[in-house]
Amino acid sequence: MSATTSCLTAHRSASLFSALMADEAKSIARGLQRRDPDLLDRLIEQYQYRLFRYLVYITGNKERAEDFFQETWIRVLERGHQYDGKSKFEAWLFAIARHLVIDWQRSKKPQSLDTLTDPEQESPLQLANETEPSPLHQVLSRESEENVQASLSQIPAIYREVLVLRFQEELQIEEMAGVLSVPLSTVKSRLYRGLQALRGALQGGAV
């Protein structure tokens, strides 16, 4: 098989996968608009681990994450008609969960995740080519999962969150911007600084 044929085959496969994902998102949107209980059960089963993991990372507390987990699915049922199927369901789901956490934080202390901005926000640092192995993947390949999890817990929540969304939940930069309600440049800046902070934590340095 020639290189050209291989590229065309890969392109067709990617296009087919994208089409299937789009069809699934539209199917979910229709089911949520109908408040289909079977669909909700399937969504909970499919996304419960990822959602709970995300909530644990951004709250730092399993008991609190459990409360937000339950509330998130209640909001999904209540606001299902707002999901139009134009974006990934998990991006919409994480956005709901994140807003619940931010609302709670605003009631408890003056700063939310959104206000913990980078000191050099107006001059964001750019990431390397996304088609190449990411800096985080290179770091993770040399570290045990336990070390990585422990180090992630040491870095600021605003950086921990973007690393989890990008490299564990595998959201694209554009999707992350939607979840976080920030510009693409802000997402890239936080990712860069998060990688630097994670490296420092893994090496036992200050973050």
N, C-alpha and C. Protein backbone atom coordinates (compact mmCIF):
# COMPACT_ATOMS: atom_id res chain seq x y z
N MET A 1 0.85 -1.19 0.00
CA MET A 1 0.00 0.00 0.00
C MET A 1 0.88 1.25 0.00
N SER A 2 0.62 2.18 -0.90
CA SER A 2 1.44 3.38 -1.00
C SER A 2 1.14 4.32 0.15
N ALA A 3 2.06 5.29 0.34
CA ALA A 3 1.88 6.27 1.40
C ALA A 3 0.63 7.10 1.16
N THR A 4 0.36 7.42 -0.12
CA THR A 4 -0.83 8.21 -0.46
C THR A 4 -2.10 7.46 -0.12
N THR A 5 -2.13 6.16 -0.46
CA THR A 5 -3.30 5.34 -0.14
C THR A 5 -3.50 5.23 1.35
N SER A 6 -2.41 5.08 2.09
CA SER A 6 -2.50 4.99 3.55
C SER A 6 -3.06 6.27 4.13
N CYS A 7 -2.62 7.42 3.62
CA CYS A 7 -3.11 8.71 4.11
C CYS A 7 -4.59 8.86 3.83
N LEU A 8 -5.02 8.43 2.60
CA LEU A 8 -6.43 8.54 2.25
C LEU A 8 -7.29 7.64 3.13
N THR A 9 -6.78 6.44 3.41
CA THR A 9 -7.51 5.51 4.27
C THR A 9 -7.66 6.07 5.68
N ALA A 10 -6.57 6.62 6.19
CA ALA A 10 -6.60 7.21 7.53
C ALA A 10 -7.56 8.39 7.58
N HIS A 11 -7.56 9.19 6.50
CA HIS A 11 -8.46 10.35 6.45
C HIS A 11 -9.92 9.91 6.43
N ARG A 12 -10.22 8.87 5.63
CA ARG A 12 -11.59 8.36 5.58
C ARG A 12 -12.02 7.82 6.93
N SER A 13 -11.12 7.11 7.60
CA SER A 13 -11.43 6.55 8.92
C SER A 13 -11.71 7.66 9.93
N ALA A 14 -10.90 8.71 9.89
CA ALA A 14 -11.10 9.84 10.80
C ALA A 14 -12.42 10.54 10.51
N SER A 15 -12.75 10.68 9.21
CA SER A 15 -14.00 11.33 8.83
C SER A 15 -15.20 10.51 9.28
N LEU A 16 -15.10 9.18 9.12
CA LEU A 16 -16.18 8.29 9.55
C LEU A 16 -16.36 8.37 11.05
N PHE A 17 -15.25 8.37 11.79
CA PHE A 17 -15.32 8.45 13.25
C PHE A 17 -15.98 9.76 13.67
N SER A 18 -15.59 10.86 13.02
CA SER A 18 -16.17 12.17 13.35
C SER A 18 -17.67 12.18 13.08
N ALA A 19 -18.08 11.56 11.96
CA ALA A 19 -19.50 11.50 11.62
C ALA A 19 -20.27 10.69 12.66
N LEU A 20 -19.69 9.57 13.10
CA LEU A 20 -20.35 8.74 14.11
C LEU A 20 -20.49 9.50 15.43
N MET A 21 -19.43 10.25 15.80
CA MET A 21 -19.48 11.03 17.03
C MET A 21 -20.55 12.11 16.95
N ALA A 22 -20.66 12.75 15.79
CA ALA A 22 -21.67 13.79 15.59
C ALA A 22 -23.08 13.19 15.68
N ASP A 23 -23.28 12.02 15.07
CA ASP A 23 -24.58 11.35 15.13
C ASP A 23 -24.93 10.99 16.57
N GLU A 24 -23.94 10.52 17.33
CA GLU A 24 -24.18 10.17 18.73
C GLU A 24 -24.57 11.40 19.54
N ALA A 25 -23.88 12.51 19.31
CA ALA A 25 -24.20 13.75 20.03
C ALA A 25 -25.62 14.20 19.74
N LYS A 26 -26.02 14.12 18.47
CA LYS A 26 -27.38 14.53 18.10
C LYS A 26 -28.42 13.59 18.71
N SER A 27 -28.09 12.30 18.77
CA SER A 27 -28.99 11.32 19.38
C SER A 27 -29.15 11.61 20.87
N ILE A 28 -28.05 11.95 21.54
CA ILE A 28 -28.12 12.30 22.96
C ILE A 28 -28.97 13.54 23.15
N ALA A 29 -28.78 14.54 22.29
CA ALA A 29 -29.56 15.79 22.39
C ALA A 29 -31.05 15.51 22.27
N ARG A 30 -31.44 14.66 21.30
CA ARG A 30 -32.86 14.33 21.13
C ARG A 30 -33.40 13.60 22.35
N GLY A 31 -32.60 12.67 22.89
CA GLY A 31 -33.05 11.92 24.06
C GLY A 31 -33.20 12.81 25.29
N LEU A 32 -32.28 13.75 25.49
CA LEU A 32 -32.37 14.65 26.63
C LEU A 32 -33.57 15.58 26.52
N GLN A 33 -33.88 15.99 25.30
CA GLN A 33 -35.05 16.84 25.10
C GLN A 33 -36.33 16.10 25.46
N ARG A 34 -36.33 14.77 25.26
CA ARG A 34 -37.49 13.94 25.61
C ARG A 34 -37.46 13.52 27.08
N ARG A 35 -36.35 13.83 27.74
CA ARG A 35 -36.12 13.38 29.13
C ARG A 35 -36.24 11.86 29.22
N ASP A 36 -35.56 11.20 28.31
CA ASP A 36 -35.57 9.74 28.22
C ASP A 36 -34.81 9.16 29.42
N PRO A 37 -35.50 8.46 30.34
CA PRO A 37 -34.82 7.93 31.53
C PRO A 37 -33.79 6.86 31.21
N ASP A 38 -34.04 6.06 30.17
CA ASP A 38 -33.07 5.03 29.78
C ASP A 38 -31.78 5.67 29.27
N LEU A 39 -31.91 6.77 28.54
CA LEU A 39 -30.73 7.47 28.05
C LEU A 39 -29.92 8.03 29.22
N LEU A 40 -30.60 8.62 30.18
CA LEU A 40 -29.90 9.18 31.34
C LEU A 40 -29.13 8.10 32.08
N ASP A 41 -29.75 6.95 32.25
CA ASP A 41 -29.07 5.84 32.92
C ASP A 41 -27.81 5.42 32.15
N ARG A 42 -27.93 5.39 30.81
CA ARG A 42 -26.79 5.00 29.99
C ARG A 42 -25.67 6.04 30.07
N LEU A 43 -26.05 7.31 30.08
CA LEU A 43 -25.05 8.38 30.17
C LEU A 43 -24.33 8.34 31.51
N ILE A 44 -25.08 8.10 32.58
CA ILE A 44 -24.46 8.02 33.90
C ILE A 44 -23.47 6.86 33.95
N GLU A 45 -23.89 5.72 33.40
CA GLU A 45 -23.00 4.56 33.39
C GLU A 45 -21.75 4.82 32.56
N GLN A 46 -21.92 5.51 31.45
CA GLN A 46 -20.80 5.74 30.53
C GLN A 46 -19.82 6.80 31.04
N TYR A 47 -20.34 7.83 31.71
CA TYR A 47 -19.49 8.98 32.07
C TYR A 47 -19.25 9.13 33.57
N GLN A 48 -19.78 8.24 34.39
CA GLN A 48 -19.69 8.46 35.83
C GLN A 48 -18.24 8.49 36.33
N TYR A 49 -17.41 7.61 35.82
CA TYR A 49 -16.02 7.57 36.29
C TYR A 49 -15.29 8.85 35.91
N ARG A 50 -15.43 9.26 34.65
CA ARG A 50 -14.72 10.46 34.18
C ARG A 50 -15.21 11.71 34.91
N LEU A 51 -16.52 11.82 35.10
CA LEU A 51 -17.06 12.99 35.79
C LEU A 51 -16.60 13.04 37.23
N PHE A 52 -16.66 11.92 37.93
CA PHE A 52 -16.25 11.91 39.34
C PHE A 52 -14.76 12.21 39.46
N ARG A 53 -13.95 11.64 38.57
CA ARG A 53 -12.52 11.90 38.60
C ARG A 53 -12.24 13.39 38.40
N TYR A 54 -12.92 14.01 37.45
CA TYR A 54 -12.76 15.43 37.19
C TYR A 54 -13.14 16.26 38.42
N LEU A 55 -14.25 15.91 39.05
CA LEU A 55 -14.70 16.65 40.23
C LEU A 55 -13.75 16.49 41.41
N VAL A 56 -13.20 15.30 41.57
CA VAL A 56 -12.22 15.10 42.65
C VAL A 56 -11.00 15.98 42.43
N TYR A 57 -10.55 16.07 41.19
CA TYR A 57 -9.36 16.88 40.89
C TYR A 57 -9.61 18.36 41.16
N ILE A 58 -10.78 18.88 40.79
CA ILE A 58 -10.97 20.32 40.92
C ILE A 58 -11.47 20.73 42.30
N THR A 59 -12.01 19.78 43.08
CA THR A 59 -12.43 20.12 44.44
C THR A 59 -11.41 19.69 45.48
N GLY A 60 -10.62 18.64 45.16
CA GLY A 60 -9.64 18.14 46.12
C GLY A 60 -10.27 17.38 47.28
N ASN A 61 -11.54 16.99 47.13
CA ASN A 61 -12.24 16.35 48.25
C ASN A 61 -13.26 15.35 47.68
N LYS A 62 -13.11 14.07 48.02
CA LYS A 62 -13.99 13.04 47.46
C LYS A 62 -15.44 13.19 47.92
N GLU A 63 -15.63 13.53 49.22
CA GLU A 63 -17.00 13.68 49.72
C GLU A 63 -17.71 14.83 49.02
N ARG A 64 -16.99 15.95 48.85
CA ARG A 64 -17.59 17.10 48.18
C ARG A 64 -17.84 16.77 46.71
N ALA A 65 -16.91 16.02 46.11
CA ALA A 65 -17.08 15.63 44.71
C ALA A 65 -18.33 14.78 44.53
N GLU A 66 -18.65 13.93 45.50
CA GLU A 66 -19.85 13.10 45.43
C GLU A 66 -21.11 13.96 45.40
N ASP A 67 -21.11 15.03 46.20
CA ASP A 67 -22.27 15.93 46.21
C ASP A 67 -22.43 16.62 44.86
N PHE A 68 -21.32 17.12 44.32
CA PHE A 68 -21.38 17.78 43.02
C PHE A 68 -21.72 16.79 41.91
N PHE A 69 -21.29 15.55 42.05
CA PHE A 69 -21.60 14.51 41.07
C PHE A 69 -23.11 14.33 40.96
N GLN A 70 -23.77 14.19 42.10
CA GLN A 70 -25.23 14.02 42.11
C GLN A 70 -25.94 15.24 41.54
N GLU A 71 -25.48 16.43 41.96
CA GLU A 71 -26.11 17.67 41.50
C GLU A 71 -25.93 17.87 40.01
N THR A 72 -24.78 17.46 39.49
CA THR A 72 -24.53 17.62 38.05
C THR A 72 -25.55 16.84 37.23
N TRP A 73 -25.82 15.61 37.64
CA TRP A 73 -26.78 14.80 36.86
C TRP A 73 -28.20 15.34 37.01
N ILE A 74 -28.50 15.94 38.13
CA ILE A 74 -29.82 16.59 38.28
C ILE A 74 -29.93 17.74 37.29
N ARG A 75 -28.84 18.52 37.17
CA ARG A 75 -28.84 19.63 36.22
C ARG A 75 -28.93 19.13 34.78
N VAL A 76 -28.28 18.01 34.49
CA VAL A 76 -28.37 17.43 33.14
C VAL A 76 -29.82 17.12 32.80
N LEU A 77 -30.55 16.55 33.76
CA LEU A 77 -31.95 16.21 33.54
C LEU A 77 -32.80 17.47 33.38
N GLU A 78 -32.51 18.47 34.23
CA GLU A 78 -33.29 19.71 34.21
C GLU A 78 -33.02 20.55 32.96
N ARG A 79 -31.78 20.55 32.50
CA ARG A 79 -31.37 21.44 31.42
C ARG A 79 -31.01 20.70 30.13
N GLY A 80 -31.47 19.46 30.04
CA GLY A 80 -31.14 18.67 28.86
C GLY A 80 -31.55 19.32 27.55
N HIS A 81 -32.64 20.12 27.60
CA HIS A 81 -33.12 20.77 26.38
C HIS A 81 -32.12 21.80 25.85
N GLN A 82 -31.15 22.22 26.71
CA GLN A 82 -30.17 23.22 26.30
C GLN A 82 -29.01 22.61 25.51
N TYR A 83 -28.86 21.30 25.57
CA TYR A 83 -27.79 20.64 24.83
C TYR A 83 -28.25 20.42 23.40
N ASP A 84 -27.52 20.99 22.42
CA ASP A 84 -27.95 20.94 21.03
C ASP A 84 -27.23 19.90 20.19
N GLY A 85 -26.27 19.18 20.80
CA GLY A 85 -25.57 18.14 20.05
C GLY A 85 -24.49 18.64 19.11
N LYS A 86 -24.18 19.94 19.16
CA LYS A 86 -23.15 20.49 18.28
C LYS A 86 -21.75 20.33 18.85
N SER A 87 -21.65 20.01 20.11
CA SER A 87 -20.36 19.77 20.76
C SER A 87 -20.41 18.42 21.46
N LYS A 88 -19.25 17.94 21.90
CA LYS A 88 -19.22 16.66 22.61
C LYS A 88 -20.05 16.75 23.89
N PHE A 89 -20.76 15.67 24.19
CA PHE A 89 -21.57 15.66 25.40
C PHE A 89 -20.72 15.86 26.65
N GLU A 90 -19.51 15.23 26.67
CA GLU A 90 -18.68 15.34 27.87
C GLU A 90 -18.21 16.76 28.12
N ALA A 91 -18.01 17.55 27.05
CA ALA A 91 -17.62 18.95 27.24
C ALA A 91 -18.74 19.73 27.90
N TRP A 92 -19.97 19.48 27.46
CA TRP A 92 -21.15 20.13 28.07
C TRP A 92 -21.31 19.66 29.52
N LEU A 93 -21.11 18.38 29.76
CA LEU A 93 -21.23 17.81 31.10
C LEU A 93 -20.22 18.42 32.06
N PHE A 94 -18.95 18.50 31.63
CA PHE A 94 -17.92 19.08 32.49
C PHE A 94 -18.17 20.56 32.76
N ALA A 95 -18.74 21.26 31.78
CA ALA A 95 -19.05 22.68 31.98
C ALA A 95 -20.10 22.86 33.07
N ILE A 96 -21.11 22.00 33.07
CA ILE A 96 -22.14 22.06 34.12
C ILE A 96 -21.51 21.81 35.49
N ALA A 97 -20.69 20.76 35.58
CA ALA A 97 -20.04 20.42 36.85
C ALA A 97 -19.16 21.56 37.32
N ARG A 98 -18.41 22.14 36.43
CA ARG A 98 -17.48 23.21 36.79
C ARG A 98 -18.23 24.43 37.31
N HIS A 99 -19.34 24.78 36.67
CA HIS A 99 -20.12 25.94 37.12
C HIS A 99 -20.68 25.72 38.52
N LEU A 100 -21.07 24.48 38.82
CA LEU A 100 -21.55 24.18 40.18
C LEU A 100 -20.45 24.41 41.20
N VAL A 101 -19.24 23.96 40.88
CA VAL A 101 -18.10 24.12 41.80
C VAL A 101 -17.78 25.60 41.97
N ILE A 102 -17.78 26.36 40.89
CA ILE A 102 -17.47 27.78 40.97
C ILE A 102 -18.51 28.52 41.80
N ASP A 103 -19.79 28.19 41.60
CA ASP A 103 -20.84 28.82 42.40
C ASP A 103 -20.63 28.55 43.88
N TRP A 104 -20.25 27.32 44.19
CA TRP A 104 -19.99 26.96 45.59
C TRP A 104 -18.79 27.74 46.13
N GLN A 105 -17.73 27.82 45.35
CA GLN A 105 -16.54 28.52 45.80
C GLN A 105 -16.80 30.00 46.02
N ARG A 106 -17.61 30.60 45.16
CA ARG A 106 -17.93 32.02 45.31
C ARG A 106 -18.69 32.29 46.60
N SER A 107 -19.47 31.29 47.04
CA SER A 107 -20.22 31.48 48.29
C SER A 107 -19.35 31.25 49.52
N LYS A 108 -18.18 30.60 49.34
CA LYS A 108 -17.33 30.26 50.47
C LYS A 108 -16.13 31.19 50.63
N LYS A 109 -15.61 31.69 49.51
CA LYS A 109 -14.42 32.53 49.58
C LYS A 109 -14.41 33.50 48.41
N PRO A 110 -13.65 34.57 48.48
CA PRO A 110 -13.72 35.62 47.46
C PRO A 110 -13.24 35.22 46.09
N GLN A 111 -12.40 34.20 45.96
CA GLN A 111 -11.85 33.83 44.67
C GLN A 111 -12.40 32.50 44.19
N SER A 112 -12.70 32.45 42.89
CA SER A 112 -13.13 31.21 42.27
C SER A 112 -12.00 30.69 41.38
N LEU A 113 -12.22 29.55 40.76
CA LEU A 113 -11.22 29.03 39.83
C LEU A 113 -10.92 30.03 38.73
N ASP A 114 -11.96 30.74 38.28
CA ASP A 114 -11.78 31.68 37.18
C ASP A 114 -10.93 32.88 37.57
N THR A 115 -10.93 33.26 38.84
CA THR A 115 -10.19 34.45 39.24
C THR A 115 -8.74 34.15 39.57
N LEU A 116 -8.38 32.87 39.62
CA LEU A 116 -6.98 32.50 39.88
C LEU A 116 -6.22 32.52 38.57
N THR A 117 -6.13 33.69 37.96
CA THR A 117 -5.56 33.79 36.62
C THR A 117 -4.05 33.88 36.65
N ASP A 118 -3.47 33.68 35.50
CA ASP A 118 -2.02 33.71 35.37
C ASP A 118 -1.50 35.13 35.49
N PRO A 119 -0.35 35.34 36.12
CA PRO A 119 0.20 36.68 36.25
C PRO A 119 0.59 37.30 34.92
N GLU A 120 0.82 36.49 33.88
CA GLU A 120 1.19 37.01 32.58
C GLU A 120 0.15 36.62 31.52
N GLN A 121 -1.13 36.76 31.92
CA GLN A 121 -2.23 36.31 31.08
C GLN A 121 -2.23 36.95 29.70
N GLU A 122 -1.83 38.24 29.62
CA GLU A 122 -1.90 38.95 28.35
C GLU A 122 -0.80 38.51 27.38
N SER A 123 0.18 37.77 27.86
CA SER A 123 1.26 37.30 26.99
C SER A 123 1.39 35.78 27.11
N PRO A 124 0.35 35.05 26.66
CA PRO A 124 0.35 33.60 26.84
C PRO A 124 1.46 32.93 26.05
N LEU A 125 2.02 31.90 26.64
CA LEU A 125 3.05 31.12 25.97
C LEU A 125 2.38 30.04 25.13
N GLN A 126 2.89 29.80 23.95
CA GLN A 126 2.26 28.87 23.03
C GLN A 126 2.77 27.45 23.25
N LEU A 127 1.91 26.49 22.94
CA LEU A 127 2.29 25.08 23.04
C LEU A 127 2.99 24.63 21.78
N ALA A 128 3.69 23.53 21.89
CA ALA A 128 4.34 22.94 20.73
C ALA A 128 3.28 22.34 19.80
N ASN A 129 3.70 21.89 18.66
CA ASN A 129 2.82 21.26 17.68
C ASN A 129 2.07 20.11 18.34
N GLU A 130 0.72 20.16 18.26
CA GLU A 130 -0.10 19.16 18.95
C GLU A 130 -0.03 17.79 18.30
N THR A 131 0.53 17.71 17.06
CA THR A 131 0.64 16.40 16.41
C THR A 131 1.83 15.62 16.92
N GLU A 132 2.73 16.28 17.63
CA GLU A 132 3.90 15.62 18.19
C GLU A 132 3.59 15.13 19.61
N PRO A 133 4.39 14.19 20.14
CA PRO A 133 4.17 13.74 21.52
C PRO A 133 4.19 14.93 22.48
N SER A 134 3.16 15.04 23.32
CA SER A 134 3.06 16.20 24.20
C SER A 134 4.13 16.15 25.29
N PRO A 135 4.49 17.32 25.83
CA PRO A 135 5.44 17.34 26.95
C PRO A 135 4.94 16.51 28.13
N LEU A 136 3.63 16.55 28.38
CA LEU A 136 3.11 15.78 29.50
C LEU A 136 3.25 14.28 29.24
N HIS A 137 2.93 13.84 28.02
CA HIS A 137 3.07 12.42 27.71
C HIS A 137 4.51 11.96 27.87
N GLN A 138 5.45 12.84 27.51
CA GLN A 138 6.86 12.50 27.68
C GLN A 138 7.21 12.37 29.16
N VAL A 139 6.63 13.25 29.97
CA VAL A 139 6.87 13.18 31.42
C VAL A 139 6.25 11.92 32.00
N LEU A 140 4.98 11.66 31.59
CA LEU A 140 4.26 10.51 32.16
C LEU A 140 4.91 9.18 31.81
N SER A 141 5.55 9.13 30.66
CA SER A 141 6.17 7.88 30.23
C SER A 141 7.32 7.48 31.16
N ARG A 142 7.82 8.43 31.93
CA ARG A 142 8.95 8.14 32.81
C ARG A 142 8.55 8.11 34.28
N GLU A 143 7.27 8.27 34.54
CA GLU A 143 6.83 8.34 35.94
C GLU A 143 5.74 7.30 36.20
N SER A 144 5.65 6.86 37.44
CA SER A 144 4.57 5.95 37.81
C SER A 144 3.28 6.74 37.98
N GLU A 145 2.16 6.04 37.84
CA GLU A 145 0.86 6.71 37.97
C GLU A 145 0.71 7.32 39.36
N GLU A 146 1.20 6.63 40.38
CA GLU A 146 1.09 7.14 41.75
C GLU A 146 1.82 8.46 41.90
N ASN A 147 3.03 8.55 41.33
CA ASN A 147 3.79 9.79 41.41
C ASN A 147 3.08 10.93 40.71
N VAL A 148 2.50 10.62 39.55
CA VAL A 148 1.82 11.66 38.78
C VAL A 148 0.59 12.16 39.53
N GLN A 149 -0.21 11.23 40.07
CA GLN A 149 -1.42 11.63 40.79
C GLN A 149 -1.06 12.48 42.00
N ALA A 150 -0.02 12.08 42.73
CA ALA A 150 0.40 12.83 43.91
C ALA A 150 0.90 14.21 43.51
N SER A 151 1.64 14.30 42.41
CA SER A 151 2.17 15.58 41.96
C SER A 151 1.08 16.50 41.45
N LEU A 152 0.09 15.94 40.76
CA LEU A 152 -1.03 16.75 40.29
C LEU A 152 -1.75 17.43 41.45
N SER A 153 -1.86 16.71 42.57
CA SER A 153 -2.56 17.27 43.73
C SER A 153 -1.81 18.43 44.35
N GLN A 154 -0.54 18.58 44.02
CA GLN A 154 0.28 19.64 44.61
C GLN A 154 0.23 20.95 43.83
N ILE A 155 -0.19 20.91 42.57
CA ILE A 155 -0.13 22.12 41.77
C ILE A 155 -1.46 22.88 41.87
N PRO A 156 -1.46 24.18 41.60
CA PRO A 156 -2.67 24.99 41.72
C PRO A 156 -3.83 24.42 40.91
N ALA A 157 -5.05 24.56 41.44
CA ALA A 157 -6.23 23.97 40.83
C ALA A 157 -6.44 24.43 39.39
N ILE A 158 -6.12 25.69 39.11
CA ILE A 158 -6.36 26.21 37.77
C ILE A 158 -5.50 25.51 36.72
N TYR A 159 -4.32 25.06 37.12
CA TYR A 159 -3.44 24.33 36.21
C TYR A 159 -3.79 22.84 36.20
N ARG A 160 -4.10 22.29 37.37
CA ARG A 160 -4.48 20.88 37.46
C ARG A 160 -5.68 20.59 36.57
N GLU A 161 -6.63 21.52 36.57
CA GLU A 161 -7.86 21.32 35.81
C GLU A 161 -7.59 21.20 34.31
N VAL A 162 -6.77 22.09 33.76
CA VAL A 162 -6.53 22.04 32.31
C VAL A 162 -5.74 20.79 31.92
N LEU A 163 -4.83 20.35 32.78
CA LEU A 163 -4.08 19.13 32.48
C LEU A 163 -5.00 17.92 32.46
N VAL A 164 -5.94 17.87 33.40
CA VAL A 164 -6.89 16.76 33.45
C VAL A 164 -7.78 16.77 32.22
N LEU A 165 -8.30 17.95 31.85
CA LEU A 165 -9.18 18.04 30.69
C LEU A 165 -8.47 17.65 29.40
N ARG A 166 -7.22 18.10 29.27
CA ARG A 166 -6.51 17.88 28.00
C ARG A 166 -5.96 16.47 27.88
N PHE A 167 -5.31 15.97 28.93
CA PHE A 167 -4.54 14.73 28.79
C PHE A 167 -5.22 13.51 29.38
N GLN A 168 -6.17 13.69 30.30
CA GLN A 168 -6.93 12.54 30.79
C GLN A 168 -8.27 12.43 30.06
N GLU A 169 -8.98 13.55 29.95
CA GLU A 169 -10.28 13.52 29.28
C GLU A 169 -10.14 13.70 27.77
N GLU A 170 -8.95 14.08 27.31
CA GLU A 170 -8.61 14.18 25.89
C GLU A 170 -9.52 15.14 25.12
N LEU A 171 -9.89 16.25 25.77
CA LEU A 171 -10.62 17.29 25.07
C LEU A 171 -9.65 18.12 24.23
N GLN A 172 -10.13 18.63 23.11
CA GLN A 172 -9.33 19.50 22.28
C GLN A 172 -9.28 20.90 22.90
N ILE A 173 -8.33 21.72 22.45
CA ILE A 173 -8.16 23.06 23.00
C ILE A 173 -9.46 23.86 22.88
N GLU A 174 -10.11 23.78 21.72
CA GLU A 174 -11.34 24.53 21.49
C GLU A 174 -12.44 24.07 22.46
N GLU A 175 -12.53 22.76 22.69
CA GLU A 175 -13.54 22.24 23.61
C GLU A 175 -13.26 22.68 25.04
N MET A 176 -11.98 22.70 25.41
CA MET A 176 -11.61 23.16 26.75
C MET A 176 -11.99 24.61 26.94
N ALA A 177 -11.79 25.43 25.90
CA ALA A 177 -12.15 26.84 26.00
C ALA A 177 -13.64 26.99 26.29
N GLY A 178 -14.45 26.10 25.69
CA GLY A 178 -15.88 26.14 25.95
C GLY A 178 -16.22 25.74 27.38
N VAL A 179 -15.57 24.69 27.87
CA VAL A 179 -15.81 24.24 29.25
C VAL A 179 -15.42 25.33 30.25
N LEU A 180 -14.27 25.95 30.02
CA LEU A 180 -13.71 26.92 30.96
C LEU A 180 -14.24 28.34 30.74
N SER A 181 -14.90 28.57 29.61
CA SER A 181 -15.41 29.90 29.24
C SER A 181 -14.28 30.94 29.20
N VAL A 182 -13.17 30.56 28.55
CA VAL A 182 -12.02 31.45 28.41
C VAL A 182 -11.52 31.39 26.97
N PRO A 183 -10.72 32.38 26.52
CA PRO A 183 -10.17 32.35 25.16
C PRO A 183 -9.18 31.20 24.98
N LEU A 184 -8.94 30.86 23.71
CA LEU A 184 -7.98 29.81 23.39
C LEU A 184 -6.59 30.14 23.94
N SER A 185 -6.21 31.41 23.86
CA SER A 185 -4.88 31.80 24.34
C SER A 185 -4.73 31.55 25.83
N THR A 186 -5.82 31.71 26.58
CA THR A 186 -5.78 31.46 28.02
C THR A 186 -5.60 29.98 28.31
N VAL A 187 -6.31 29.13 27.54
CA VAL A 187 -6.17 27.69 27.71
C VAL A 187 -4.72 27.27 27.45
N LYS A 188 -4.13 27.78 26.36
CA LYS A 188 -2.77 27.42 26.01
C LYS A 188 -1.78 27.89 27.08
N SER A 189 -2.02 29.08 27.60
CA SER A 189 -1.13 29.61 28.64
C SER A 189 -1.20 28.75 29.90
N ARG A 190 -2.41 28.39 30.30
CA ARG A 190 -2.56 27.57 31.51
C ARG A 190 -1.96 26.18 31.31
N LEU A 191 -2.12 25.63 30.10
CA LEU A 191 -1.52 24.32 29.83
C LEU A 191 0.00 24.38 29.94
N TYR A 192 0.58 25.38 29.36
CA TYR A 192 2.03 25.51 29.40
C TYR A 192 2.51 25.63 30.84
N ARG A 193 1.88 26.52 31.58
CA ARG A 193 2.31 26.74 32.97
C ARG A 193 1.99 25.53 33.85
N GLY A 194 0.89 24.82 33.51
CA GLY A 194 0.57 23.61 34.25
C GLY A 194 1.61 22.53 34.05
N LEU A 195 2.10 22.40 32.81
CA LEU A 195 3.16 21.43 32.53
C LEU A 195 4.43 21.77 33.30
N GLN A 196 4.75 23.06 33.35
CA GLN A 196 5.93 23.49 34.09
C GLN A 196 5.77 23.18 35.59
N ALA A 197 4.56 23.44 36.11
CA ALA A 197 4.31 23.19 37.52
C ALA A 197 4.37 21.70 37.84
N LEU A 198 3.84 20.88 36.93
CA LEU A 198 3.85 19.43 37.14
C LEU A 198 5.28 18.90 37.11
N ARG A 199 6.07 19.39 36.18
CA ARG A 199 7.48 18.98 36.16
C ARG A 199 8.16 19.31 37.47
N GLY A 200 7.91 20.53 37.98
CA GLY A 200 8.51 20.93 39.24
C GLY A 200 8.08 20.04 40.39
N ALA A 201 6.80 19.68 40.41
CA ALA A 201 6.29 18.83 41.48
C ALA A 201 6.88 17.43 41.38
N LEU A 202 7.00 16.90 40.17
CA LEU A 202 7.57 15.57 40.00
C LEU A 202 9.04 15.53 40.39
N GLN A 203 9.72 16.64 40.23
CA GLN A 203 11.13 16.72 40.59
C GLN A 203 11.34 17.11 42.06
N GLY A 204 10.22 17.33 42.76
CA GLY A 204 10.31 17.69 44.16
C GLY A 204 10.60 19.15 44.42
N GLY A 205 10.42 19.98 43.37
CA GLY A 205 10.68 21.40 43.53
C GLY A 205 9.42 22.16 43.90
N ALA A 206 9.58 23.44 44.06
CA ALA A 206 8.43 24.29 44.39
C ALA A 206 7.57 24.48 43.15
N VAL A 207 6.28 24.61 43.36
CA VAL A 207 5.36 24.84 42.25
C VAL A 207 4.77 26.20 42.38
